[in-house]
């Protein structure tokens, strides 16, 4: 009896062990198959998904993460990190930890995968996250400076350099700097009214900070280029010129007043604005543009003589200008109104 019991126990144990072994083999084979599928997705640069969509099988972000941890293929690991970084960064339904995970992915790319083509963009994106989300100015400057040093021809060089200068020039007013960055963030998101409110907050609460003038200029540009409210844009540009005559944007503001007048078909006012730009700010460039637009305004006013005289100044004062030939053609055209 005891012998038979022992045999039964041994037999059951063997079957259990075999069952567990087969389950492990099946599970292992299944995982290897899944890894291969995920690796193929990574090689094809397909981003992960947070859920299944329809009947098509989509790999979850957790499967990408597991595949990246397990793989020994450096290409898969690198491209997987890049795809995960984009997933966490751009997902419109961000989880609470997505920001930190995006920063972690970009940081690992910078550290481990400097020879991959997405390294440059990872530097810029990491800088953006630290700039807009963390207000971590030390790290922002460090990341952007690495971009400037390693990729001096990058399309993001101007933005990176301007943001480094913005931080360095305004660190004594941290609250103002934060408000300005928030305004820029809203602007990039297309939330122009919120951006305007942040800029007005700077102008009202911190009028003596170095950013008050920049906020007025930024405000003018939003009204000018995004909201197409040229009257308000002119008001803000004029406020900038009157209140902050030493700011670096004064010349641009004067030129843009002319632009706004021209778009509102206020031809005489446009002539005055462009003429002031030519007389007071010729060292900043664009004087040939202003001169040509003055000629156009006189044409709109049907003052053919003044239009011709204005166009003539372009070939005399700006012979290398892109407007020189165009102005010459306008002079020929105007002869029919001037009799000869």
C-alpha atoms as a PDB file:
ATOM      1  CA  UNK A   1       0.000   0.000   0.000  1.00  0.00           C
ATOM      2  CA  UNK A   2       2.767   2.354   0.969  1.00  0.00           C
ATOM      3  CA  UNK A   3       4.682   1.439  -2.186  1.00  0.00           C
ATOM      4  CA  UNK A   4       1.677   2.200  -4.384  1.00  0.00           C
ATOM      5  CA  UNK A   5       1.206   5.564  -2.624  1.00  0.00           C
ATOM      6  CA  UNK A   6       4.839   6.415  -3.185  1.00  0.00           C
ATOM      7  CA  UNK A   7       4.532   5.532  -6.877  1.00  0.00           C
ATOM      8  CA  UNK A   8       1.430   7.730  -7.205  1.00  0.00           C
ATOM      9  CA  UNK A   9       3.146  10.662  -5.484  1.00  0.00           C
ATOM     10  CA  UNK A  10       6.214  10.301  -7.677  1.00  0.00           C
ATOM     11  CA  UNK A  11       4.078  10.052 -10.814  1.00  0.00           C
ATOM     12  CA  UNK A  12       2.068  13.158  -9.893  1.00  0.00           C
ATOM     13  CA  UNK A  13       5.256  15.025  -9.026  1.00  0.00           C
ATOM     14  CA  UNK A  14       6.782  14.129 -12.360  1.00  0.00           C
ATOM     15  CA  UNK A  15       3.680  15.346 -14.195  1.00  0.00           C
ATOM     16  CA  UNK A  16       3.670  18.568 -12.181  1.00  0.00           C
ATOM     17  CA  UNK A  17       7.352  19.146 -12.902  1.00  0.00           C
ATOM     18  CA  UNK A  18       6.805  18.394 -16.600  1.00  0.00           C
ATOM     19  CA  UNK A  19       3.806  20.737 -16.674  1.00  0.00           C
ATOM     20  CA  UNK A  20       5.786  23.543 -15.044  1.00  0.00           C
ATOM     21  CA  UNK A  21       8.720  22.906 -17.373  1.00  0.00           C
ATOM     22  CA  UNK A  22       6.501  22.961 -20.459  1.00  0.00           C
ATOM     23  CA  UNK A  23       4.762  26.113 -19.214  1.00  0.00           C
ATOM     24  CA  UNK A  24       8.126  27.806 -18.760  1.00  0.00           C
ATOM     25  CA  UNK A  25       9.276  26.720 -22.193  1.00  0.00           C
ATOM     26  CA  UNK A  26       6.030  27.955 -23.749  1.00  0.00           C
ATOM     27  CA  UNK A  27       6.190  31.214 -21.811  1.00  0.00           C
ATOM     28  CA  UNK A  28       9.837  31.687 -22.750  1.00  0.00           C
ATOM     29  CA  UNK A  29       9.094  31.009 -26.405  1.00  0.00           C
ATOM     30  CA  UNK A  30       6.153  33.391 -26.241  1.00  0.00           C
ATOM     31  CA  UNK A  31       8.316  36.114 -24.657  1.00  0.00           C
ATOM     32  CA  UNK A  32      11.053  35.616 -27.259  1.00  0.00           C
ATOM     33  CA  UNK A  33       8.460  35.895 -30.005  1.00  0.00           C
ATOM     34  CA  UNK A  34       7.046  39.040 -28.429  1.00  0.00           C
ATOM     35  CA  UNK A  35      10.538  40.524 -28.048  1.00  0.00           C
ATOM     36  CA  UNK A  36      11.207  39.861 -31.708  1.00  0.00           C
ATOM     37  CA  UNK A  37       7.938  41.560 -32.632  1.00  0.00           C
ATOM     38  CA  UNK A  38       8.762  44.559 -30.467  1.00  0.00           C
ATOM     39  CA  UNK A  39      12.326  44.704 -31.772  1.00  0.00           C
ATOM     40  CA  UNK A  40      10.938  44.725 -35.312  1.00  0.00           C
ATOM     41  CA  UNK A  41       8.650  47.616 -34.380  1.00  0.00           C
ATOM     42  CA  UNK A  42      11.629  49.484 -32.939  1.00  0.00           C
ATOM     43  CA  UNK A  43      13.738  48.848 -36.034  1.00  0.00           C
ATOM     44  CA  UNK A  44      10.892  50.254 -38.146  1.00  0.00           C
ATOM     45  CA  UNK A  45      10.782  53.326 -35.833  1.00  0.00           C
ATOM     46  CA  UNK A  46       7.198  52.608 -34.735  1.00  0.00           C
ATOM     47  CA  UNK A  47       6.299  54.307 -31.462  1.00  0.00           C
ATOM     48  CA  UNK A  48       4.664  52.361 -28.621  1.00  0.00           C
ATOM     49  CA  UNK A  49       1.008  52.705 -27.689  1.00  0.00           C
ATOM     50  CA  UNK A  50      -0.628  52.975 -24.297  1.00  0.00           C
ATOM     51  CA  UNK A  51      -3.452  50.574 -25.269  1.00  0.00           C
ATOM     52  CA  UNK A  52      -4.721  48.298 -28.016  1.00  0.00           C
ATOM     53  CA  UNK A  53      -6.523  50.078 -30.834  1.00  0.00           C
ATOM     54  CA  UNK A  54      -9.264  48.170 -32.634  1.00  0.00           C
ATOM     55  CA  UNK A  55      -8.427  44.605 -33.609  1.00  0.00           C
ATOM     56  CA  UNK A  56      -4.873  45.384 -34.657  1.00  0.00           C
ATOM     57  CA  UNK A  57      -2.301  44.289 -32.104  1.00  0.00           C
ATOM     58  CA  UNK A  58      -0.340  47.259 -30.837  1.00  0.00           C
ATOM     59  CA  UNK A  59       2.550  46.789 -28.470  1.00  0.00           C
ATOM     60  CA  UNK A  60       2.199  48.501 -25.126  1.00  0.00           C
ATOM     61  CA  UNK A  61       4.734  50.958 -23.807  1.00  0.00           C
ATOM     62  CA  UNK A  62       5.501  48.502 -21.000  1.00  0.00           C
ATOM     63  CA  UNK A  63       6.506  45.911 -23.612  1.00  0.00           C
ATOM     64  CA  UNK A  64       8.886  48.396 -25.196  1.00  0.00           C
ATOM     65  CA  UNK A  65      10.416  49.097 -21.803  1.00  0.00           C
ATOM     66  CA  UNK A  66      10.842  45.383 -21.059  1.00  0.00           C
ATOM     67  CA  UNK A  67      12.311  44.697 -24.485  1.00  0.00           C
ATOM     68  CA  UNK A  68      14.835  47.527 -24.048  1.00  0.00           C
ATOM     69  CA  UNK A  69      15.861  46.172 -20.634  1.00  0.00           C
ATOM     70  CA  UNK A  70      16.343  42.629 -21.959  1.00  0.00           C
ATOM     71  CA  UNK A  71      17.904  43.192 -25.384  1.00  0.00           C
ATOM     72  CA  UNK A  72      21.642  43.060 -25.967  1.00  0.00           C
ATOM     73  CA  UNK A  73      21.285  44.764 -29.331  1.00  0.00           C
ATOM     74  CA  UNK A  74      22.584  48.312 -28.898  1.00  0.00           C
ATOM     75  CA  UNK A  75      20.650  49.612 -31.913  1.00  0.00           C
ATOM     76  CA  UNK A  76      17.381  48.303 -30.508  1.00  0.00           C
ATOM     77  CA  UNK A  77      18.193  49.759 -27.105  1.00  0.00           C
ATOM     78  CA  UNK A  78      19.089  53.163 -28.569  1.00  0.00           C
ATOM     79  CA  UNK A  79      16.177  53.519 -30.966  1.00  0.00           C
ATOM     80  CA  UNK A  80      13.807  52.106 -28.348  1.00  0.00           C
ATOM     81  CA  UNK A  81      14.874  54.803 -25.898  1.00  0.00           C
ATOM     82  CA  UNK A  82      14.318  57.465 -28.556  1.00  0.00           C
ATOM     83  CA  UNK A  83      10.834  56.156 -29.378  1.00  0.00           C
ATOM     84  CA  UNK A  84       9.949  55.970 -25.681  1.00  0.00           C
ATOM     85  CA  UNK A  85      11.229  59.512 -25.142  1.00  0.00           C
ATOM     86  CA  UNK A  86       8.933  60.782 -27.904  1.00  0.00           C
ATOM     87  CA  UNK A  87       6.023  58.765 -26.502  1.00  0.00           C
ATOM     88  CA  UNK A  88       6.413  60.227 -23.023  1.00  0.00           C
ATOM     89  CA  UNK A  89       7.156  63.725 -24.316  1.00  0.00           C
ATOM     90  CA  UNK A  90       4.369  64.086 -26.888  1.00  0.00           C
ATOM     91  CA  UNK A  91       1.566  61.969 -25.430  1.00  0.00           C
ATOM     92  CA  UNK A  92      -1.489  64.259 -25.073  1.00  0.00           C
ATOM     93  CA  UNK A  93      -2.743  62.121 -22.173  1.00  0.00           C
ATOM     94  CA  UNK A  94       0.365  62.414 -20.042  1.00  0.00           C
ATOM     95  CA  UNK A  95       0.563  60.335 -16.927  1.00  0.00           C
ATOM     96  CA  UNK A  96       1.898  61.948 -13.780  1.00  0.00           C
ATOM     97  CA  UNK A  97       5.298  60.360 -14.252  1.00  0.00           C
ATOM     98  CA  UNK A  98       5.600  60.919 -18.026  1.00  0.00           C
ATOM     99  CA  UNK A  99       7.622  64.109 -17.681  1.00  0.00           C
ATOM    100  CA  UNK A 100      10.230  62.444 -15.476  1.00  0.00           C
ATOM    101  CA  UNK A 101      10.344  59.407 -17.768  1.00  0.00           C
ATOM    102  CA  UNK A 102      10.878  61.603 -20.822  1.00  0.00           C
ATOM    103  CA  UNK A 103      13.725  63.409 -19.050  1.00  0.00           C
ATOM    104  CA  UNK A 104      15.194  60.046 -18.024  1.00  0.00           C
ATOM    105  CA  UNK A 105      15.052  58.729 -21.617  1.00  0.00           C
ATOM    106  CA  UNK A 106      16.667  61.837 -23.114  1.00  0.00           C
ATOM    107  CA  UNK A 107      19.330  61.855 -20.394  1.00  0.00           C
ATOM    108  CA  UNK A 108      20.230  58.218 -21.105  1.00  0.00           C
ATOM    109  CA  UNK A 109      20.423  58.958 -24.834  1.00  0.00           C
ATOM    110  CA  UNK A 110      22.826  61.833 -24.172  1.00  0.00           C
ATOM    111  CA  UNK A 111      24.970  59.649 -21.961  1.00  0.00           C
ATOM    112  CA  UNK A 112      24.981  56.349 -23.849  1.00  0.00           C
ATOM    113  CA  UNK A 113      24.133  57.040 -27.505  1.00  0.00           C
ATOM    114  CA  UNK A 114      26.019  60.153 -28.597  1.00  0.00           C
ATOM    115  CA  UNK A 115      26.747  58.720 -32.062  1.00  0.00           C
ATOM    116  CA  UNK A 116      23.115  58.209 -33.035  1.00  0.00           C
ATOM    117  CA  UNK A 117      21.292  60.686 -35.316  1.00  0.00           C
ATOM    118  CA  UNK A 118      18.692  61.595 -32.692  1.00  0.00           C
ATOM    119  CA  UNK A 119      21.318  62.740 -30.186  1.00  0.00           C
ATOM    120  CA  UNK A 120      21.162  66.358 -31.402  1.00  0.00           C
ATOM    121  CA  UNK A 121      17.369  66.550 -31.138  1.00  0.00           C
ATOM    122  CA  UNK A 122      17.468  64.832 -27.751  1.00  0.00           C
ATOM    123  CA  UNK A 123      19.700  67.642 -26.453  1.00  0.00           C
ATOM    124  CA  UNK A 124      17.244  70.255 -27.681  1.00  0.00           C
ATOM    125  CA  UNK A 125      14.156  68.424 -26.403  1.00  0.00           C
ATOM    126  CA  UNK A 126      15.703  67.833 -22.989  1.00  0.00           C
ATOM    127  CA  UNK A 127      16.586  71.522 -22.813  1.00  0.00           C
ATOM    128  CA  UNK A 128      12.980  72.397 -23.672  1.00  0.00           C
ATOM    129  CA  UNK A 129      11.572  70.170 -20.940  1.00  0.00           C
ATOM    130  CA  UNK A 130      13.900  71.647 -18.347  1.00  0.00           C
ATOM    131  CA  UNK A 131      13.169  75.164 -19.632  1.00  0.00           C
ATOM    132  CA  UNK A 132       9.365  75.004 -19.852  1.00  0.00           C
ATOM    133  CA  UNK A 133       8.469  72.401 -17.232  1.00  0.00           C
ATOM    134  CA  UNK A 134      11.182  72.434 -14.574  1.00  0.00           C
ATOM    135  CA  UNK A 135      12.534  76.008 -14.613  1.00  0.00           C
ATOM    136  CA  UNK A 136      15.882  74.372 -13.818  1.00  0.00           C
ATOM    137  CA  UNK A 137      18.053  77.143 -15.208  1.00  0.00           C
ATOM    138  CA  UNK A 138      21.443  75.623 -14.347  1.00  0.00           C
ATOM    139  CA  UNK A 139      20.638  72.411 -16.199  1.00  0.00           C
ATOM    140  CA  UNK A 140      18.940  74.274 -19.044  1.00  0.00           C
ATOM    141  CA  UNK A 141      22.079  76.315 -19.725  1.00  0.00           C
ATOM    142  CA  UNK A 142      24.267  73.224 -19.430  1.00  0.00           C
ATOM    143  CA  UNK A 143      22.190  71.241 -21.942  1.00  0.00           C
ATOM    144  CA  UNK A 144      21.831  74.075 -24.455  1.00  0.00           C
ATOM    145  CA  UNK A 145      25.557  74.840 -24.242  1.00  0.00           C
ATOM    146  CA  UNK A 146      26.332  71.213 -25.083  1.00  0.00           C
ATOM    147  CA  UNK A 147      24.089  71.588 -28.116  1.00  0.00           C
ATOM    148  CA  UNK A 148      25.857  74.790 -29.177  1.00  0.00           C
ATOM    149  CA  UNK A 149      29.285  73.209 -28.751  1.00  0.00           C
ATOM    150  CA  UNK A 150      28.642  69.818 -30.354  1.00  0.00           C
ATOM    151  CA  UNK A 151      26.273  70.969 -33.126  1.00  0.00           C
ATOM    152  CA  UNK A 152      27.221  74.569 -34.079  1.00  0.00           C
ATOM    153  CA  UNK A 153      25.285  74.246 -37.364  1.00  0.00           C
ATOM    154  CA  UNK A 154      22.124  72.927 -35.725  1.00  0.00           C
ATOM    155  CA  UNK A 155      18.807  74.472 -36.749  1.00  0.00           C
ATOM    156  CA  UNK A 156      18.153  75.010 -33.035  1.00  0.00           C
ATOM    157  CA  UNK A 157      21.302  77.047 -32.362  1.00  0.00           C
ATOM    158  CA  UNK A 158      19.544  80.430 -32.425  1.00  0.00           C
ATOM    159  CA  UNK A 159      16.807  79.326 -30.025  1.00  0.00           C
ATOM    160  CA  UNK A 160      19.280  77.670 -27.673  1.00  0.00           C
ATOM    161  CA  UNK A 161      21.589  80.708 -27.645  1.00  0.00           C
ATOM    162  CA  UNK A 162      18.714  83.141 -27.058  1.00  0.00           C
ATOM    163  CA  UNK A 163      17.375  81.105 -24.155  1.00  0.00           C
ATOM    164  CA  UNK A 164      20.780  80.892 -22.513  1.00  0.00           C
ATOM    165  CA  UNK A 165      21.124  84.688 -22.828  1.00  0.00           C
ATOM    166  CA  UNK A 166      17.575  85.175 -21.548  1.00  0.00           C
ATOM    167  CA  UNK A 167      18.381  83.195 -18.403  1.00  0.00           C
ATOM    168  CA  UNK A 168      21.765  84.821 -17.813  1.00  0.00           C
ATOM    169  CA  UNK A 169      20.418  88.359 -18.256  1.00  0.00           C
ATOM    170  CA  UNK A 170      17.380  87.956 -16.015  1.00  0.00           C
ATOM    171  CA  UNK A 171      18.304  85.682 -13.133  1.00  0.00           C
ATOM    172  CA  UNK A 172      17.988  88.574 -10.674  1.00  0.00           C
ATOM    173  CA  UNK A 173      14.251  88.603 -11.414  1.00  0.00           C
ATOM    174  CA  UNK A 174      13.313  84.904 -11.123  1.00  0.00           C
ATOM    175  CA  UNK A 175       9.548  85.497 -10.894  1.00  0.00           C
ATOM    176  CA  UNK A 176       9.636  87.688 -13.984  1.00  0.00           C
ATOM    177  CA  UNK A 177      11.720  85.109 -15.825  1.00  0.00           C
ATOM    178  CA  UNK A 178       9.268  82.350 -14.890  1.00  0.00           C
ATOM    179  CA  UNK A 179       6.326  84.436 -16.140  1.00  0.00           C
ATOM    180  CA  UNK A 180       8.109  85.132 -19.421  1.00  0.00           C
ATOM    181  CA  UNK A 181       8.854  81.447 -19.952  1.00  0.00           C
ATOM    182  CA  UNK A 182       5.221  80.578 -19.197  1.00  0.00           C
ATOM    183  CA  UNK A 183       4.165  83.158 -21.807  1.00  0.00           C
ATOM    184  CA  UNK A 184       6.504  81.556 -24.341  1.00  0.00           C
ATOM    185  CA  UNK A 185       5.151  78.113 -23.476  1.00  0.00           C
ATOM    186  CA  UNK A 186       1.556  79.221 -24.031  1.00  0.00           C
ATOM    187  CA  UNK A 187       2.615  80.884 -27.287  1.00  0.00           C
ATOM    188  CA  UNK A 188       4.148  77.652 -28.610  1.00  0.00           C
ATOM    189  CA  UNK A 189       0.951  75.807 -27.653  1.00  0.00           C
ATOM    190  CA  UNK A 190      -1.136  78.323 -29.586  1.00  0.00           C
ATOM    191  CA  UNK A 191      -2.797  79.626 -26.407  1.00  0.00           C
ATOM    192  CA  UNK A 192      -2.296  83.270 -27.307  1.00  0.00           C
ATOM    193  CA  UNK A 193      -4.733  84.816 -24.822  1.00  0.00           C
ATOM    194  CA  UNK A 194      -2.996  83.050 -21.931  1.00  0.00           C
ATOM    195  CA  UNK A 195       0.362  84.140 -23.292  1.00  0.00           C
ATOM    196  CA  UNK A 196      -0.890  87.734 -23.403  1.00  0.00           C
ATOM    197  CA  UNK A 197      -2.013  87.532 -19.762  1.00  0.00           C
ATOM    198  CA  UNK A 198       1.424  86.324 -18.652  1.00  0.00           C
ATOM    199  CA  UNK A 199       3.115  89.149 -20.564  1.00  0.00           C
ATOM    200  CA  UNK A 200       0.735  91.764 -19.134  1.00  0.00           C
ATOM    201  CA  UNK A 201       1.545  90.410 -15.681  1.00  0.00           C
ATOM    202  CA  UNK A 202       5.241  91.155 -16.301  1.00  0.00           C
ATOM    203  CA  UNK A 203       4.550  94.651 -17.617  1.00  0.00           C
ATOM    204  CA  UNK A 204       2.253  95.547 -14.698  1.00  0.00           C
ATOM    205  CA  UNK A 205       4.111  93.903 -11.803  1.00  0.00           C
ATOM    206  CA  UNK A 206       7.725  94.129 -12.904  1.00  0.00           C
ATOM    207  CA  UNK A 207       8.032  97.302 -15.027  1.00  0.00           C
ATOM    208  CA  UNK A 208      11.643  97.871 -13.953  1.00  0.00           C
ATOM    209  CA  UNK A 209      12.855  94.405 -14.874  1.00  0.00           C
ATOM    210  CA  UNK A 210      14.811  93.873 -18.058  1.00  0.00           C
ATOM    211  CA  UNK A 211      12.018  91.688 -19.381  1.00  0.00           C
ATOM    212  CA  UNK A 212       9.303  94.348 -19.353  1.00  0.00           C
ATOM    213  CA  UNK A 213      10.509  95.736 -22.689  1.00  0.00           C
ATOM    214  CA  UNK A 214      10.811  92.267 -24.197  1.00  0.00           C
ATOM    215  CA  UNK A 215       7.309  91.469 -22.954  1.00  0.00           C
ATOM    216  CA  UNK A 216       5.910  94.532 -24.766  1.00  0.00           C
ATOM    217  CA  UNK A 217       7.662  93.514 -27.980  1.00  0.00           C
ATOM    218  CA  UNK A 218       6.449  89.923 -27.617  1.00  0.00           C
ATOM    219  CA  UNK A 219       2.933  91.246 -27.004  1.00  0.00           C
ATOM    220  CA  UNK A 220       3.092  93.343 -30.174  1.00  0.00           C
ATOM    221  CA  UNK A 221       4.192  90.329 -32.201  1.00  0.00           C
ATOM    222  CA  UNK A 222       1.288  88.201 -30.927  1.00  0.00           C
ATOM    223  CA  UNK A 223      -1.233  90.847 -31.946  1.00  0.00           C
ATOM    224  CA  UNK A 224       0.601  91.432 -35.220  1.00  0.00           C
ATOM    225  CA  UNK A 225       1.334  87.957 -36.529  1.00  0.00           C
ATOM    226  CA  UNK A 226      -1.072  85.648 -34.702  1.00  0.00           C
ATOM    227  CA  UNK A 227      -4.215  87.640 -33.906  1.00  0.00           C
ATOM    228  CA  UNK A 228      -3.906  90.019 -36.906  1.00  0.00           C
ATOM    229  CA  UNK A 229      -4.974  92.912 -34.677  1.00  0.00           C
ATOM    230  CA  UNK A 230      -2.703  95.500 -36.258  1.00  0.00           C
ATOM    231  CA  UNK A 231      -4.035  98.461 -34.259  1.00  0.00           C
ATOM    232  CA  UNK A 232      -3.228  96.789 -30.931  1.00  0.00           C
ATOM    233  CA  UNK A 233       0.115  95.641 -32.283  1.00  0.00           C
ATOM    234  CA  UNK A 234       0.996  99.244 -33.164  1.00  0.00           C
ATOM    235  CA  UNK A 235       0.008 100.395 -29.688  1.00  0.00           C
ATOM    236  CA  UNK A 236       2.338  97.866 -28.050  1.00  0.00           C
ATOM    237  CA  UNK A 237       5.233  98.652 -30.392  1.00  0.00           C
ATOM    238  CA  UNK A 238       4.748 102.371 -29.695  1.00  0.00           C
ATOM    239  CA  UNK A 239       4.637 101.703 -25.930  1.00  0.00           C
ATOM    240  CA  UNK A 240       7.925  99.854 -26.237  1.00  0.00           C
ATOM    241  CA  UNK A 241       9.594 102.741 -28.086  1.00  0.00           C
ATOM    242  CA  UNK A 242       8.340 105.320 -25.591  1.00  0.00           C
ATOM    243  CA  UNK A 243       8.936 103.410 -22.346  1.00  0.00           C
ATOM    244  CA  UNK A 244      12.083 101.446 -23.232  1.00  0.00           C
ATOM    245  CA  UNK A 245      13.987 103.453 -25.877  1.00  0.00           C
ATOM    246  CA  UNK A 246      17.251 101.608 -25.094  1.00  0.00           C
ATOM    247  CA  UNK A 247      15.923  98.085 -25.650  1.00  0.00           C
ATOM    248  CA  UNK A 248      17.348  96.050 -28.505  1.00  0.00           C
ATOM    249  CA  UNK A 249      13.907  95.704 -30.118  1.00  0.00           C
ATOM    250  CA  UNK A 250      13.211  99.413 -30.703  1.00  0.00           C
ATOM    251  CA  UNK A 251      14.349  99.400 -34.351  1.00  0.00           C
ATOM    252  CA  UNK A 252      12.307  96.291 -35.152  1.00  0.00           C
ATOM    253  CA  UNK A 253       9.283  97.808 -33.406  1.00  0.00           C
ATOM    254  CA  UNK A 254       9.538 100.965 -35.532  1.00  0.00           C
ATOM    255  CA  UNK A 255       9.752  98.921 -38.742  1.00  0.00           C
ATOM    256  CA  UNK A 256       6.753  96.821 -37.690  1.00  0.00           C
ATOM    257  CA  UNK A 257       4.684  99.928 -37.013  1.00  0.00           C
ATOM    258  CA  UNK A 258       5.163 100.679 -40.699  1.00  0.00           C
ATOM    259  CA  UNK A 259       4.149  97.119 -41.561  1.00  0.00           C
ATOM    260  CA  UNK A 260       0.959  97.368 -39.508  1.00  0.00           C
ATOM    261  CA  UNK A 261       0.025 100.718 -41.076  1.00  0.00           C
ATOM    262  CA  UNK A 262       0.551  99.243 -44.544  1.00  0.00           C
ATOM    263  CA  UNK A 263      -1.660  96.240 -43.731  1.00  0.00           C
ATOM    264  CA  UNK A 264      -4.354  98.627 -42.481  1.00  0.00           C
ATOM    265  CA  UNK A 265      -3.955 100.646 -45.724  1.00  0.00           C
ATOM    266  CA  UNK A 266      -2.975 103.702 -43.687  1.00  0.00           C
ATOM    267  CA  UNK A 267      -0.610 104.814 -46.436  1.00  0.00           C
ATOM    268  CA  UNK A 268       0.493 108.217 -45.119  1.00  0.00           C
ATOM    269  CA  UNK A 269       1.055 106.846 -41.616  1.00  0.00           C
ATOM    270  CA  UNK A 270       3.053 103.991 -43.130  1.00  0.00           C
ATOM    271  CA  UNK A 271       5.239 106.483 -45.039  1.00  0.00           C
ATOM    272  CA  UNK A 272       5.913 108.340 -41.782  1.00  0.00           C
ATOM    273  CA  UNK A 273       6.760 105.146 -39.877  1.00  0.00           C
ATOM    274  CA  UNK A 274       9.086 103.765 -42.566  1.00  0.00           C
ATOM    275  CA  UNK A 275      10.743 107.170 -43.045  1.00  0.00           C
ATOM    276  CA  UNK A 276      11.444 107.388 -39.316  1.00  0.00           C
ATOM    277  CA  UNK A 277      12.961 103.904 -39.456  1.00  0.00           C
ATOM    278  CA  UNK A 278      15.236 104.879 -42.379  1.00  0.00           C
ATOM    279  CA  UNK A 279      16.298 108.124 -40.681  1.00  0.00           C
ATOM    280  CA  UNK A 280      16.782 106.832 -37.120  1.00  0.00           C
ATOM    281  CA  UNK A 281      17.641 103.145 -37.427  1.00  0.00           C
ATOM    282  CA  UNK A 282      19.403 102.656 -40.767  1.00  0.00           C
ATOM    283  CA  UNK A 283      22.302 100.876 -39.037  1.00  0.00           C
ATOM    284  CA  UNK A 284      20.023  97.959 -38.150  1.00  0.00           C
ATOM    285  CA  UNK A 285      19.417  96.901 -41.744  1.00  0.00           C
ATOM    286  CA  UNK A 286      16.172  96.581 -43.707  1.00  0.00           C
ATOM    287  CA  UNK A 287      16.404 100.222 -44.807  1.00  0.00           C
ATOM    288  CA  UNK A 288      16.131  99.101 -48.436  1.00  0.00           C
ATOM    289  CA  UNK A 289      12.923  97.234 -47.566  1.00  0.00           C
ATOM    290  CA  UNK A 290      11.518 100.322 -45.856  1.00  0.00           C
ATOM    291  CA  UNK A 291      12.510 102.500 -48.835  1.00  0.00           C
ATOM    292  CA  UNK A 292      10.747 100.182 -51.269  1.00  0.00           C
ATOM    293  CA  UNK A 293       7.601 100.036 -49.138  1.00  0.00           C
ATOM    294  CA  UNK A 294       7.553 103.850 -48.984  1.00  0.00           C
ATOM    295  CA  UNK A 295       7.489 103.814 -52.780  1.00  0.00           C
ATOM    296  CA  UNK A 296       4.594 101.356 -52.743  1.00  0.00           C
ATOM    297  CA  UNK A 297       2.664 103.575 -50.336  1.00  0.00           C
ATOM    298  CA  UNK A 298       3.122 106.591 -52.598  1.00  0.00           C
ATOM    299  CA  UNK A 299       1.804 104.514 -55.488  1.00  0.00           C
ATOM    300  CA  UNK A 300      -1.281 103.701 -53.422  1.00  0.00           C
ATOM    301  CA  UNK A 301      -1.673 107.434 -52.781  1.00  0.00           C
ATOM    302  CA  UNK A 302      -1.280 108.007 -56.557  1.00  0.00           C
ATOM    303  CA  UNK A 303       1.620 110.356 -55.881  1.00  0.00           C
ATOM    304  CA  UNK A 304       3.557 109.120 -58.900  1.00  0.00           C
ATOM    305  CA  UNK A 305       6.405 111.632 -58.630  1.00  0.00           C
ATOM    306  CA  UNK A 306       7.180 110.789 -55.008  1.00  0.00           C
ATOM    307  CA  UNK A 307       6.902 107.086 -55.805  1.00  0.00           C
ATOM    308  CA  UNK A 308       9.447 107.390 -58.637  1.00  0.00           C
ATOM    309  CA  UNK A 309      11.814 109.524 -56.539  1.00  0.00           C
ATOM    310  CA  UNK A 310      11.626 107.013 -53.692  1.00  0.00           C
ATOM    311  CA  UNK A 311      12.312 104.039 -55.961  1.00  0.00           C
ATOM    312  CA  UNK A 312      15.261 105.931 -57.489  1.00  0.00           C
ATOM    313  CA  UNK A 313      16.911 106.146 -54.055  1.00  0.00           C
ATOM    314  CA  UNK A 314      17.120 102.347 -53.878  1.00  0.00           C
ATOM    315  CA  UNK A 315      19.491 101.988 -56.847  1.00  0.00           C
ATOM    316  CA  UNK A 316      21.501 104.952 -55.530  1.00  0.00           C
ATOM    317  CA  UNK A 317      21.725 104.015 -51.850  1.00  0.00           C
ATOM    318  CA  UNK A 318      21.288 100.229 -51.989  1.00  0.00           C
ATOM    319  CA  UNK A 319      22.637  99.000 -55.369  1.00  0.00           C
ATOM    320  CA  UNK A 320      23.071  95.436 -54.041  1.00  0.00           C
ATOM    321  CA  UNK A 321      19.533  95.238 -52.649  1.00  0.00           C
ATOM    322  CA  UNK A 322      17.128  92.534 -53.793  1.00  0.00           C
ATOM    323  CA  UNK A 323      14.708  95.431 -54.443  1.00  0.00           C
ATOM    324  CA  UNK A 324      16.983  97.294 -56.888  1.00  0.00           C
ATOM    325  CA  UNK A 325      15.699  95.541 -60.036  1.00  0.00           C
ATOM    326  CA  UNK A 326      12.100  95.571 -58.829  1.00  0.00           C
ATOM    327  CA  UNK A 327      12.333  99.312 -58.107  1.00  0.00           C
ATOM    328  CA  UNK A 328      13.788  99.863 -61.597  1.00  0.00           C
ATOM    329  CA  UNK A 329      10.822  98.088 -63.141  1.00  0.00           C
ATOM    330  CA  UNK A 330       8.405 100.177 -61.076  1.00  0.00           C
ATOM    331  CA  UNK A 331      10.106 103.366 -62.328  1.00  0.00           C
ATOM    332  CA  UNK A 332       9.600 102.211 -65.936  1.00  0.00           C
ATOM    333  CA  UNK A 333       5.953 101.449 -65.170  1.00  0.00           C
ATOM    334  CA  UNK A 334       5.389 104.887 -63.609  1.00  0.00           C
ATOM    335  CA  UNK A 335       6.590 106.699 -66.733  1.00  0.00           C
ATOM    336  CA  UNK A 336       3.155 106.325 -68.285  1.00  0.00           C
ATOM    337  CA  UNK A 337       1.709 108.401 -65.446  1.00  0.00           C
ATOM    338  CA  UNK A 338       4.494 110.983 -65.559  1.00  0.00           C
ATOM    339  CA  UNK A 339       4.549 111.496 -69.306  1.00  0.00           C
ATOM    340  CA  UNK A 340       7.838 110.133 -70.490  1.00  0.00           C
END
